[in-house]
N, C-alpha and C. Protein backbone atom coordinates (compact mmCIF):
# COMPACT_ATOMS: atom_id res chain seq x y z
N UNK A 1 -18.88 6.29 -20.89
CA UNK A 1 -18.09 5.71 -21.70
C UNK A 1 -18.91 5.08 -23.02
N UNK A 2 -18.42 5.09 -24.07
CA UNK A 2 -19.08 4.49 -25.34
C UNK A 2 -19.45 3.02 -25.01
N UNK A 3 -20.78 2.65 -25.10
CA UNK A 3 -21.37 1.44 -24.92
C UNK A 3 -20.60 0.31 -25.71
N UNK A 4 -20.20 0.70 -27.06
CA UNK A 4 -19.66 -0.14 -28.05
C UNK A 4 -18.21 -0.66 -27.55
N UNK A 5 -17.46 0.36 -26.99
CA UNK A 5 -16.27 -0.05 -26.52
C UNK A 5 -16.22 -0.84 -25.19
N UNK A 6 -17.17 -0.55 -24.33
CA UNK A 6 -17.40 -1.59 -23.18
C UNK A 6 -17.87 -2.84 -23.68
N UNK A 7 -18.87 -3.11 -24.48
CA UNK A 7 -19.26 -4.33 -25.08
C UNK A 7 -18.15 -5.06 -25.56
N UNK A 8 -17.22 -4.36 -26.33
CA UNK A 8 -16.02 -5.06 -27.20
C UNK A 8 -15.04 -5.64 -26.21
N UNK A 9 -14.79 -4.95 -24.76
CA UNK A 9 -13.89 -5.35 -24.04
C UNK A 9 -14.54 -6.28 -22.84
N UNK A 10 -15.83 -6.39 -22.80
CA UNK A 10 -16.57 -6.95 -21.77
C UNK A 10 -15.96 -8.48 -21.64
N UNK A 11 -15.76 -8.77 -20.55
CA UNK A 11 -15.08 -10.24 -20.34
C UNK A 11 -13.61 -10.26 -20.59
N UNK A 12 -13.05 -9.23 -20.95
CA UNK A 12 -11.60 -9.27 -20.92
C UNK A 12 -10.92 -9.01 -19.46
N UNK A 13 -10.15 -10.13 -19.29
CA UNK A 13 -9.67 -10.07 -17.84
C UNK A 13 -8.17 -10.03 -17.91
N UNK A 14 -7.53 -9.35 -16.86
CA UNK A 14 -6.17 -9.35 -16.60
C UNK A 14 -5.90 -10.03 -15.27
N UNK A 15 -4.84 -10.58 -15.09
CA UNK A 15 -4.37 -11.16 -13.92
C UNK A 15 -3.25 -10.40 -13.20
N UNK A 16 -3.36 -10.12 -12.02
CA UNK A 16 -2.40 -9.17 -11.47
C UNK A 16 -2.24 -9.63 -9.90
N UNK A 17 -1.05 -9.51 -9.49
CA UNK A 17 -0.80 -9.83 -7.96
C UNK A 17 -1.61 -8.69 -7.26
N UNK A 18 -2.34 -9.21 -6.11
CA UNK A 18 -3.07 -8.38 -5.24
C UNK A 18 -2.08 -7.66 -4.20
N UNK A 19 -2.77 -7.24 -3.10
CA UNK A 19 -2.05 -6.63 -2.08
C UNK A 19 -1.26 -7.68 -1.26
N UNK A 20 -1.89 -8.89 -1.11
CA UNK A 20 -1.27 -10.01 -0.49
C UNK A 20 -0.37 -10.80 -1.10
N UNK A 21 -0.12 -10.47 -2.53
CA UNK A 21 0.74 -11.28 -3.35
C UNK A 21 -0.15 -12.33 -4.17
N UNK A 22 -1.48 -12.65 -3.65
CA UNK A 22 -2.28 -13.66 -4.43
C UNK A 22 -2.40 -13.08 -5.89
N UNK A 23 -2.69 -13.89 -6.72
CA UNK A 23 -3.15 -13.41 -8.16
C UNK A 23 -4.70 -13.25 -8.27
N UNK A 24 -5.04 -12.26 -8.78
CA UNK A 24 -6.18 -11.76 -8.92
C UNK A 24 -6.70 -11.46 -10.34
N UNK A 25 -8.19 -11.76 -10.74
CA UNK A 25 -8.45 -11.59 -11.97
C UNK A 25 -9.27 -10.35 -11.86
N UNK A 26 -9.18 -9.31 -13.06
CA UNK A 26 -10.03 -8.16 -13.11
C UNK A 26 -10.54 -8.14 -14.24
N UNK A 27 -11.89 -7.58 -14.36
CA UNK A 27 -12.72 -7.47 -15.60
C UNK A 27 -12.45 -5.99 -16.00
N UNK A 28 -11.77 -5.80 -17.16
CA UNK A 28 -11.34 -4.46 -17.49
C UNK A 28 -12.67 -3.63 -17.69
N UNK A 29 -13.75 -4.30 -18.06
CA UNK A 29 -14.95 -3.45 -18.50
C UNK A 29 -15.65 -2.96 -16.99
N UNK A 30 -15.37 -3.88 -16.16
CA UNK A 30 -15.95 -3.48 -14.76
C UNK A 30 -15.06 -2.14 -14.10
N UNK A 31 -13.98 -2.20 -14.40
CA UNK A 31 -13.08 -1.21 -13.79
C UNK A 31 -13.47 0.32 -14.41
N UNK A 32 -13.70 0.33 -15.86
CA UNK A 32 -13.59 1.44 -16.33
C UNK A 32 -15.09 2.02 -16.82
N UNK A 33 -16.03 1.05 -16.58
CA UNK A 33 -17.38 1.52 -16.99
C UNK A 33 -18.05 2.64 -15.87
N UNK A 34 -18.81 3.39 -16.59
CA UNK A 34 -19.47 4.47 -15.70
C UNK A 34 -21.01 4.29 -15.68
N UNK A 35 -21.65 4.06 -14.73
CA UNK A 35 -22.90 4.18 -14.69
C UNK A 35 -23.53 5.64 -14.50
N UNK A 36 -24.11 6.25 -15.72
CA UNK A 36 -24.33 7.67 -15.78
C UNK A 36 -25.58 7.90 -15.04
N UNK A 37 -26.43 6.90 -14.53
CA UNK A 37 -27.62 7.00 -13.59
C UNK A 37 -27.20 7.13 -12.28
N UNK A 38 -25.98 6.81 -11.92
CA UNK A 38 -25.60 6.88 -10.57
C UNK A 38 -24.33 7.40 -10.39
N UNK A 39 -24.02 8.80 -10.85
CA UNK A 39 -22.94 9.56 -10.84
C UNK A 39 -22.38 9.67 -9.35
N UNK A 40 -23.26 9.64 -8.36
CA UNK A 40 -22.88 9.94 -7.07
C UNK A 40 -21.96 8.69 -6.55
N UNK A 41 -22.47 7.53 -6.89
CA UNK A 41 -21.87 6.30 -6.44
C UNK A 41 -20.40 6.26 -7.18
N UNK A 42 -20.50 6.53 -8.51
CA UNK A 42 -19.33 6.61 -9.24
C UNK A 42 -18.20 7.72 -8.73
N UNK A 43 -18.52 8.81 -8.30
CA UNK A 43 -17.65 9.57 -7.49
C UNK A 43 -17.08 9.17 -6.28
N UNK A 44 -18.01 8.59 -5.68
CA UNK A 44 -17.43 7.94 -4.24
C UNK A 44 -16.59 6.84 -4.42
N UNK A 45 -16.78 5.95 -5.52
CA UNK A 45 -15.93 4.94 -5.78
C UNK A 45 -14.68 5.31 -6.51
N UNK A 46 -14.36 6.43 -7.25
CA UNK A 46 -13.29 6.69 -8.12
C UNK A 46 -12.00 6.77 -7.27
N UNK A 47 -11.98 7.50 -6.08
CA UNK A 47 -10.81 7.82 -5.34
C UNK A 47 -10.21 6.34 -5.00
N UNK A 48 -11.19 5.58 -4.49
CA UNK A 48 -10.72 4.24 -3.74
C UNK A 48 -10.11 3.33 -5.02
N UNK A 49 -10.85 3.39 -6.06
CA UNK A 49 -10.41 2.48 -7.22
C UNK A 49 -9.12 3.09 -7.76
N UNK A 50 -9.02 4.23 -7.85
CA UNK A 50 -7.60 4.94 -8.33
C UNK A 50 -6.37 4.58 -7.33
N UNK A 51 -6.65 4.75 -5.97
CA UNK A 51 -5.81 4.40 -5.04
C UNK A 51 -5.39 2.98 -5.06
N UNK A 52 -6.19 2.18 -5.21
CA UNK A 52 -5.97 0.70 -5.25
C UNK A 52 -5.13 0.39 -6.28
N UNK A 53 -5.38 0.79 -7.52
CA UNK A 53 -4.53 0.45 -8.60
C UNK A 53 -3.14 1.33 -8.50
N UNK A 54 -3.02 2.39 -7.99
CA UNK A 54 -1.94 3.09 -7.82
C UNK A 54 -0.92 2.52 -6.99
N UNK A 55 -1.59 2.11 -5.85
CA UNK A 55 -0.60 1.19 -4.77
C UNK A 55 -0.16 0.03 -5.45
N UNK A 56 -0.94 -0.81 -6.12
CA UNK A 56 -0.45 -2.01 -6.95
C UNK A 56 0.59 -1.54 -8.00
N UNK A 57 0.44 -0.44 -8.60
CA UNK A 57 1.34 -0.02 -9.61
C UNK A 57 2.82 0.35 -8.95
N UNK A 58 2.70 0.88 -7.60
CA UNK A 58 3.93 1.03 -6.98
C UNK A 58 4.49 -0.16 -6.55
N UNK A 59 3.74 -0.97 -6.08
CA UNK A 59 4.49 -2.47 -5.63
C UNK A 59 5.08 -3.14 -6.94
N UNK A 60 4.34 -2.95 -7.93
CA UNK A 60 4.98 -3.65 -9.21
C UNK A 60 6.17 -2.93 -9.57
N UNK A 61 6.20 -1.69 -9.43
CA UNK A 61 7.58 -0.95 -9.99
C UNK A 61 8.55 -1.30 -8.78
N UNK A 62 8.41 -1.59 -7.76
CA UNK A 62 9.30 -2.13 -6.86
C UNK A 62 9.78 -3.56 -7.20
N UNK A 63 8.80 -4.39 -7.21
CA UNK A 63 9.08 -5.75 -7.94
C UNK A 63 9.87 -5.61 -9.33
N UNK A 64 9.71 -4.88 -10.02
CA UNK A 64 10.33 -4.81 -11.23
C UNK A 64 11.84 -4.34 -10.96
N UNK A 65 11.97 -3.43 -10.21
CA UNK A 65 13.37 -3.13 -9.68
C UNK A 65 14.15 -4.33 -9.10
N UNK A 66 13.51 -5.10 -8.29
CA UNK A 66 13.97 -6.05 -7.44
C UNK A 66 14.50 -7.18 -8.53
N UNK A 67 13.52 -7.51 -9.42
CA UNK A 67 13.74 -8.45 -10.49
C UNK A 67 14.90 -8.26 -11.37
N UNK A 68 15.02 -6.87 -11.63
CA UNK A 68 16.23 -6.35 -12.58
C UNK A 68 17.37 -6.49 -11.90
N UNK A 69 17.47 -6.11 -10.50
CA UNK A 69 18.59 -6.27 -9.89
C UNK A 69 19.11 -7.77 -9.75
N UNK A 70 18.01 -8.84 -9.59
CA UNK A 70 18.35 -10.12 -9.26
C UNK A 70 18.78 -10.76 -10.52
N UNK A 71 18.33 -10.13 -11.82
CA UNK A 71 18.80 -10.50 -13.04
C UNK A 71 20.25 -10.12 -13.37
N UNK A 72 20.45 -8.83 -13.07
CA UNK A 72 21.75 -8.33 -13.07
C UNK A 72 22.91 -9.15 -12.06
N UNK A 73 22.40 -9.60 -10.98
CA UNK A 73 23.47 -10.41 -10.17
C UNK A 73 23.56 -11.58 -10.78
N UNK A 74 22.70 -12.39 -11.23
CA UNK A 74 22.60 -13.67 -11.94
C UNK A 74 23.59 -13.44 -13.27
N UNK A 75 23.58 -12.49 -13.89
CA UNK A 75 24.40 -12.10 -15.18
C UNK A 75 25.84 -12.22 -14.63
N UNK A 76 26.21 -11.27 -13.53
CA UNK A 76 27.39 -11.23 -13.02
C UNK A 76 28.05 -12.59 -12.73
N UNK A 77 27.16 -13.39 -12.08
CA UNK A 77 27.66 -14.54 -11.46
C UNK A 77 27.71 -15.68 -12.55
N UNK A 78 26.90 -15.56 -13.56
CA UNK A 78 27.13 -16.47 -14.69
C UNK A 78 28.24 -16.07 -15.50
N UNK A 79 28.57 -14.63 -15.62
CA UNK A 79 29.66 -14.24 -16.38
C UNK A 79 31.04 -14.82 -15.62
N UNK A 80 31.03 -14.67 -14.43
CA UNK A 80 32.27 -15.14 -13.60
C UNK A 80 32.48 -16.58 -13.73
N UNK A 81 31.39 -17.42 -13.68
CA UNK A 81 31.49 -18.74 -13.88
C UNK A 81 31.92 -19.42 -15.11
N UNK A 82 31.29 -18.79 -16.10
CA UNK A 82 31.58 -18.94 -17.64
C UNK A 82 33.15 -18.66 -17.87
N UNK A 83 33.71 -17.58 -17.49
CA UNK A 83 34.94 -17.12 -17.52
C UNK A 83 35.97 -18.22 -16.75
N UNK A 84 35.61 -18.62 -15.69
CA UNK A 84 36.37 -19.67 -15.17
C UNK A 84 36.55 -20.93 -15.70
N UNK A 85 35.35 -21.28 -16.12
CA UNK A 85 35.14 -22.67 -17.02
C UNK A 85 35.97 -22.71 -18.23
N UNK A 86 35.91 -21.49 -18.96
CA UNK A 86 36.56 -21.46 -20.26
C UNK A 86 38.10 -21.34 -19.77
N UNK A 87 38.53 -20.75 -18.86
CA UNK A 87 39.98 -20.50 -18.47
C UNK A 87 40.55 -22.00 -18.00
N UNK A 88 39.68 -22.75 -17.39
CA UNK A 88 40.11 -24.13 -17.09
C UNK A 88 40.18 -25.06 -18.34
N UNK A 89 39.42 -24.79 -19.28
CA UNK A 89 39.85 -25.57 -20.63
C UNK A 89 40.71 -24.85 -21.48
N UNK A 90 41.29 -23.88 -21.14
CA UNK A 90 42.15 -23.02 -22.08
C UNK A 90 41.64 -22.74 -23.19
N UNK A 91 40.28 -22.31 -23.20
CA UNK A 91 39.61 -21.94 -24.30
C UNK A 91 39.84 -20.50 -24.49
N UNK A 92 39.69 -19.81 -25.89
CA UNK A 92 39.91 -18.54 -26.00
C UNK A 92 38.60 -17.93 -25.47
N UNK A 93 38.90 -16.82 -24.66
CA UNK A 93 37.71 -15.95 -24.13
C UNK A 93 37.30 -14.88 -24.91
N UNK A 94 36.19 -14.82 -25.46
CA UNK A 94 35.89 -13.29 -26.21
C UNK A 94 34.58 -12.86 -25.46
N UNK A 95 34.38 -11.68 -25.53
CA UNK A 95 33.09 -11.13 -25.09
C UNK A 95 31.89 -11.70 -25.69
N UNK A 96 32.01 -11.89 -27.18
CA UNK A 96 30.84 -12.38 -27.81
C UNK A 96 30.58 -13.82 -27.26
N UNK A 97 31.63 -14.55 -26.96
CA UNK A 97 31.33 -15.98 -26.66
C UNK A 97 30.80 -16.04 -25.15
N UNK A 98 31.32 -15.16 -24.31
CA UNK A 98 30.71 -15.08 -22.83
C UNK A 98 29.28 -14.66 -23.06
N UNK A 99 28.86 -13.58 -23.80
CA UNK A 99 27.70 -13.11 -23.82
C UNK A 99 26.64 -14.31 -24.37
N UNK A 100 27.06 -14.89 -25.28
CA UNK A 100 26.30 -16.00 -25.94
C UNK A 100 26.13 -17.20 -24.95
N UNK A 101 27.10 -17.58 -24.19
CA UNK A 101 26.92 -18.45 -23.02
C UNK A 101 26.03 -18.00 -21.98
N UNK A 102 25.86 -16.84 -21.73
CA UNK A 102 25.31 -16.33 -20.62
C UNK A 102 23.80 -16.44 -21.10
N UNK A 103 23.66 -15.95 -22.33
CA UNK A 103 22.21 -15.98 -22.75
C UNK A 103 21.72 -17.14 -22.97
N UNK A 104 22.34 -18.12 -23.01
CA UNK A 104 21.92 -19.72 -23.08
C UNK A 104 22.03 -20.43 -21.62
N UNK A 105 22.26 -19.49 -20.62
CA UNK A 105 22.28 -20.24 -19.28
C UNK A 105 20.83 -20.15 -18.57
N UNK A 106 20.55 -21.30 -18.22
CA UNK A 106 18.91 -21.41 -17.91
C UNK A 106 18.70 -20.59 -16.82
N UNK A 107 19.49 -20.60 -15.84
CA UNK A 107 19.09 -19.80 -14.52
C UNK A 107 19.04 -18.22 -15.09
N UNK A 108 19.91 -17.82 -15.83
CA UNK A 108 19.92 -16.41 -16.08
C UNK A 108 18.69 -16.04 -16.81
N UNK A 109 18.21 -16.99 -17.73
CA UNK A 109 17.08 -16.88 -18.59
C UNK A 109 15.80 -17.01 -17.73
N UNK A 110 15.65 -17.70 -16.57
CA UNK A 110 14.65 -17.54 -15.62
C UNK A 110 14.40 -16.24 -15.10
N UNK A 111 15.55 -15.62 -14.64
CA UNK A 111 15.73 -14.33 -14.04
C UNK A 111 15.40 -13.29 -14.96
N UNK A 112 15.76 -13.54 -16.25
CA UNK A 112 15.07 -12.49 -17.22
C UNK A 112 13.83 -12.62 -17.51
N UNK A 113 13.17 -13.77 -17.59
CA UNK A 113 11.74 -14.09 -17.65
C UNK A 113 10.98 -13.35 -16.53
N UNK A 114 11.44 -13.54 -15.50
CA UNK A 114 10.73 -12.92 -14.20
C UNK A 114 10.97 -11.38 -14.18
N UNK A 115 11.91 -10.89 -14.62
CA UNK A 115 12.05 -9.38 -14.93
C UNK A 115 11.44 -8.82 -15.92
N UNK A 116 11.08 -9.64 -16.93
CA UNK A 116 9.98 -9.27 -18.21
C UNK A 116 8.83 -9.23 -17.64
N UNK A 117 8.40 -10.32 -16.90
CA UNK A 117 7.01 -10.31 -16.40
C UNK A 117 6.68 -9.16 -15.44
N UNK A 118 7.70 -8.76 -14.57
CA UNK A 118 7.36 -7.66 -13.65
C UNK A 118 7.33 -6.35 -14.30
N UNK A 119 8.08 -6.14 -15.33
CA UNK A 119 8.17 -5.00 -16.23
C UNK A 119 6.61 -5.01 -16.90
N UNK A 120 6.13 -5.87 -17.30
CA UNK A 120 4.93 -6.00 -18.04
C UNK A 120 3.69 -5.60 -17.12
N UNK A 121 3.90 -6.17 -16.01
CA UNK A 121 2.78 -6.13 -14.92
C UNK A 121 2.79 -4.55 -14.44
N UNK A 122 4.19 -3.98 -14.15
CA UNK A 122 4.13 -2.53 -13.89
C UNK A 122 3.66 -1.63 -15.03
N UNK A 123 4.09 -1.92 -16.09
CA UNK A 123 3.52 -1.19 -17.23
C UNK A 123 1.96 -1.03 -17.36
N UNK A 124 1.33 -2.22 -17.18
CA UNK A 124 0.13 -2.54 -17.30
C UNK A 124 -0.74 -1.65 -16.08
N UNK A 125 -0.15 -1.81 -14.89
CA UNK A 125 -0.83 -1.29 -13.85
C UNK A 125 -0.64 0.38 -13.93
N UNK A 126 0.42 0.82 -14.50
CA UNK A 126 0.69 2.23 -14.58
C UNK A 126 -0.26 2.67 -15.75
N UNK A 127 -0.47 1.93 -16.64
CA UNK A 127 -1.51 2.37 -17.55
C UNK A 127 -2.98 2.32 -17.06
N UNK A 128 -3.33 1.44 -16.25
CA UNK A 128 -4.64 1.52 -15.61
C UNK A 128 -4.71 2.72 -14.88
N UNK A 129 -3.75 2.90 -13.92
CA UNK A 129 -3.83 4.05 -13.15
C UNK A 129 -3.90 5.47 -14.01
N UNK A 130 -3.37 5.61 -15.13
CA UNK A 130 -3.44 6.83 -15.92
C UNK A 130 -4.96 6.63 -16.56
N UNK A 131 -5.45 5.38 -16.82
CA UNK A 131 -6.92 5.70 -17.39
C UNK A 131 -7.80 5.81 -16.30
N UNK A 132 -7.66 5.50 -15.13
CA UNK A 132 -8.43 6.01 -14.09
C UNK A 132 -8.25 7.51 -13.81
N UNK A 133 -7.32 7.93 -14.07
CA UNK A 133 -7.14 9.53 -14.02
C UNK A 133 -8.03 10.27 -14.91
N UNK A 134 -8.05 9.50 -15.95
CA UNK A 134 -9.03 9.97 -17.15
C UNK A 134 -10.32 9.76 -17.00
N UNK A 135 -10.65 8.69 -16.22
CA UNK A 135 -12.00 8.49 -15.75
C UNK A 135 -12.45 9.30 -14.72
N UNK A 136 -11.59 9.81 -14.00
CA UNK A 136 -11.98 10.88 -13.01
C UNK A 136 -12.39 12.12 -13.85
N UNK A 137 -11.50 12.51 -14.80
CA UNK A 137 -11.77 13.75 -15.41
C UNK A 137 -13.04 13.54 -16.29
N UNK A 138 -13.61 12.28 -16.79
CA UNK A 138 -14.59 12.10 -17.40
C UNK A 138 -15.95 12.22 -16.43
N UNK A 139 -15.59 11.77 -15.17
CA UNK A 139 -16.78 11.93 -14.25
C UNK A 139 -17.01 13.45 -14.11
N UNK A 140 -15.90 14.28 -13.59
CA UNK A 140 -16.03 15.66 -13.56
C UNK A 140 -16.97 16.34 -14.84
N UNK A 141 -16.59 15.81 -16.01
CA UNK A 141 -17.28 16.52 -17.13
C UNK A 141 -18.65 16.08 -17.18
N UNK A 142 -18.99 14.85 -16.81
CA UNK A 142 -20.42 14.32 -16.76
C UNK A 142 -21.10 15.02 -15.85
N UNK A 143 -20.59 15.11 -14.62
CA UNK A 143 -21.33 15.87 -13.47
C UNK A 143 -21.58 17.45 -14.02
N UNK A 144 -20.69 18.08 -14.57
CA UNK A 144 -20.92 19.40 -15.05
C UNK A 144 -21.87 19.46 -16.11
N UNK A 145 -21.93 18.52 -17.05
CA UNK A 145 -22.92 18.50 -18.01
C UNK A 145 -24.39 18.02 -17.61
N UNK A 146 -24.35 17.23 -16.56
CA UNK A 146 -25.63 16.74 -15.86
C UNK A 146 -26.12 18.03 -15.31
N UNK A 147 -25.37 18.73 -14.55
CA UNK A 147 -25.72 20.01 -13.81
C UNK A 147 -26.25 21.12 -14.85
N UNK A 148 -25.64 21.30 -15.95
CA UNK A 148 -26.14 22.16 -16.87
C UNK A 148 -27.53 21.73 -17.60
N UNK A 149 -27.55 20.42 -17.73
CA UNK A 149 -28.80 20.09 -18.41
C UNK A 149 -30.02 20.37 -17.33
N UNK A 150 -29.61 20.03 -16.23
CA UNK A 150 -30.76 20.15 -15.28
C UNK A 150 -31.14 21.79 -15.10
N UNK A 151 -30.18 22.63 -14.97
CA UNK A 151 -30.26 23.96 -14.97
C UNK A 151 -31.10 24.66 -16.34
N UNK A 152 -30.75 24.00 -17.48
CA UNK A 152 -31.48 24.17 -18.69
C UNK A 152 -32.89 23.84 -18.71
N UNK A 153 -33.17 22.79 -17.92
CA UNK A 153 -34.48 22.20 -17.94
C UNK A 153 -35.37 22.79 -16.91
N UNK A 154 -34.80 23.74 -16.07
CA UNK A 154 -35.73 24.45 -15.04
C UNK A 154 -36.08 23.38 -14.14
N UNK A 155 -35.53 22.21 -13.93
CA UNK A 155 -35.98 21.32 -12.92
C UNK A 155 -35.03 21.22 -11.75
N UNK A 156 -34.22 22.21 -11.66
CA UNK A 156 -33.20 22.15 -10.54
C UNK A 156 -33.86 22.20 -9.23
N UNK A 157 -33.40 21.41 -8.41
CA UNK A 157 -33.98 21.07 -7.01
C UNK A 157 -33.94 22.41 -6.21
N UNK A 158 -32.93 23.08 -6.28
CA UNK A 158 -32.77 24.37 -5.46
C UNK A 158 -33.28 25.51 -6.09
N UNK A 159 -33.84 25.53 -7.17
CA UNK A 159 -34.23 26.60 -7.98
C UNK A 159 -35.41 27.53 -7.17
N UNK A 160 -36.26 26.92 -6.50
CA UNK A 160 -37.26 27.63 -5.55
C UNK A 160 -36.73 28.36 -4.39
N UNK A 161 -35.78 27.46 -3.85
CA UNK A 161 -35.11 27.98 -2.58
C UNK A 161 -34.23 29.35 -3.00
N UNK A 162 -33.57 29.14 -4.16
CA UNK A 162 -32.60 30.19 -4.59
C UNK A 162 -33.87 31.46 -4.85
N UNK A 163 -34.78 31.18 -5.65
CA UNK A 163 -35.64 32.37 -5.84
C UNK A 163 -36.24 33.07 -4.56
N UNK A 164 -36.62 32.22 -3.61
CA UNK A 164 -37.09 32.83 -2.51
C UNK A 164 -35.87 33.63 -1.69
N UNK A 165 -34.66 32.92 -1.83
CA UNK A 165 -33.59 33.58 -1.03
C UNK A 165 -33.42 34.99 -1.66
N UNK A 166 -33.43 35.19 -3.01
CA UNK A 166 -33.38 36.43 -3.62
C UNK A 166 -34.40 37.43 -3.33
N UNK A 167 -35.62 36.91 -3.25
CA UNK A 167 -36.73 37.53 -3.01
C UNK A 167 -36.61 38.21 -1.42
N UNK A 168 -36.10 37.24 -0.60
CA UNK A 168 -36.03 37.67 0.88
C UNK A 168 -34.97 38.95 1.09
N UNK A 169 -33.85 38.57 0.33
CA UNK A 169 -32.81 39.71 0.28
C UNK A 169 -33.26 40.89 -0.40
N UNK A 170 -33.95 40.83 -1.39
CA UNK A 170 -34.63 42.13 -2.04
C UNK A 170 -35.47 42.76 -1.03
N UNK A 171 -36.23 42.05 -0.39
CA UNK A 171 -37.31 42.71 0.56
C UNK A 171 -36.54 43.23 1.75
N UNK A 172 -35.40 42.74 2.18
CA UNK A 172 -34.50 43.06 3.28
C UNK A 172 -33.87 44.67 2.97
N UNK A 173 -33.45 44.56 1.79
CA UNK A 173 -32.80 45.68 1.26
C UNK A 173 -33.91 46.74 1.08
N UNK A 174 -35.08 46.43 0.56
CA UNK A 174 -36.24 47.53 0.53
C UNK A 174 -36.37 48.03 1.89
N UNK A 175 -36.61 47.30 2.93
CA UNK A 175 -36.92 47.49 4.30
C UNK A 175 -35.72 48.46 4.87
N UNK A 176 -34.53 48.30 4.64
CA UNK A 176 -33.43 48.84 5.24
C UNK A 176 -33.34 50.26 4.45
N UNK A 177 -33.69 50.22 3.22
CA UNK A 177 -33.53 51.63 2.34
C UNK A 177 -34.64 52.60 2.78
N UNK A 178 -36.01 51.90 3.30
CA UNK A 178 -36.93 52.72 3.60
C UNK A 178 -36.79 53.27 5.17
N UNK A 179 -36.21 52.37 5.96
CA UNK A 179 -35.85 52.81 7.20
C UNK A 179 -34.80 54.08 7.24
N UNK A 180 -33.70 53.72 6.24
CA UNK A 180 -32.78 54.88 6.40
C UNK A 180 -33.33 56.04 5.73
N UNK A 181 -34.10 56.20 4.80
CA UNK A 181 -34.88 57.46 4.26
C UNK A 181 -35.61 57.80 5.32
N UNK A 182 -36.38 57.02 6.14
CA UNK A 182 -37.30 57.54 7.30
C UNK A 182 -36.57 58.60 8.24
N UNK A 183 -35.16 57.94 8.56
CA UNK A 183 -34.42 58.69 9.39
C UNK A 183 -33.85 59.88 8.82
N UNK A 184 -33.62 60.05 7.71
CA UNK A 184 -33.16 61.19 7.17
C UNK A 184 -34.07 62.51 7.00
N UNK A 185 -35.32 62.09 6.82
CA UNK A 185 -36.37 63.08 6.79
C UNK A 185 -36.44 64.04 8.00
């Protein structure tokens, strides 16, 4: 990852609900940085990192749905209560007036705030999970690039074993050919 980007986001923290419901801080640069000198470690961490945030994302989506339902229930209860109160006062009931009074209802506003916070957390976790998918693709590309660089430099660890294997195979084929020719004579 571009070092300038990492430096610009270093120290940026997000606060999310963890598996146990406790709020946890995550340093964004720590989640997405890649140590190109230890790709093996990065590959081994990638799956668990992605899984962790994917599970948090799924839980956040569930929480968002629950918060939306609670908000809708509160809207319905506030709607009913406001209509009854207006009827008791013999006031003219219009849809605009009911919506306005519901929007001003403190309890309904609290439910709306909770629903919006849940929606924000879900979208944030979904974006992190997508970014981790991109990180996985980047790791694959870096691994392929590293293998290509090693092959081009002739410093491949298995190069001599490969060459020895090719020579052994050629020698075996020569032997088999000469044995076959010897039987045909």
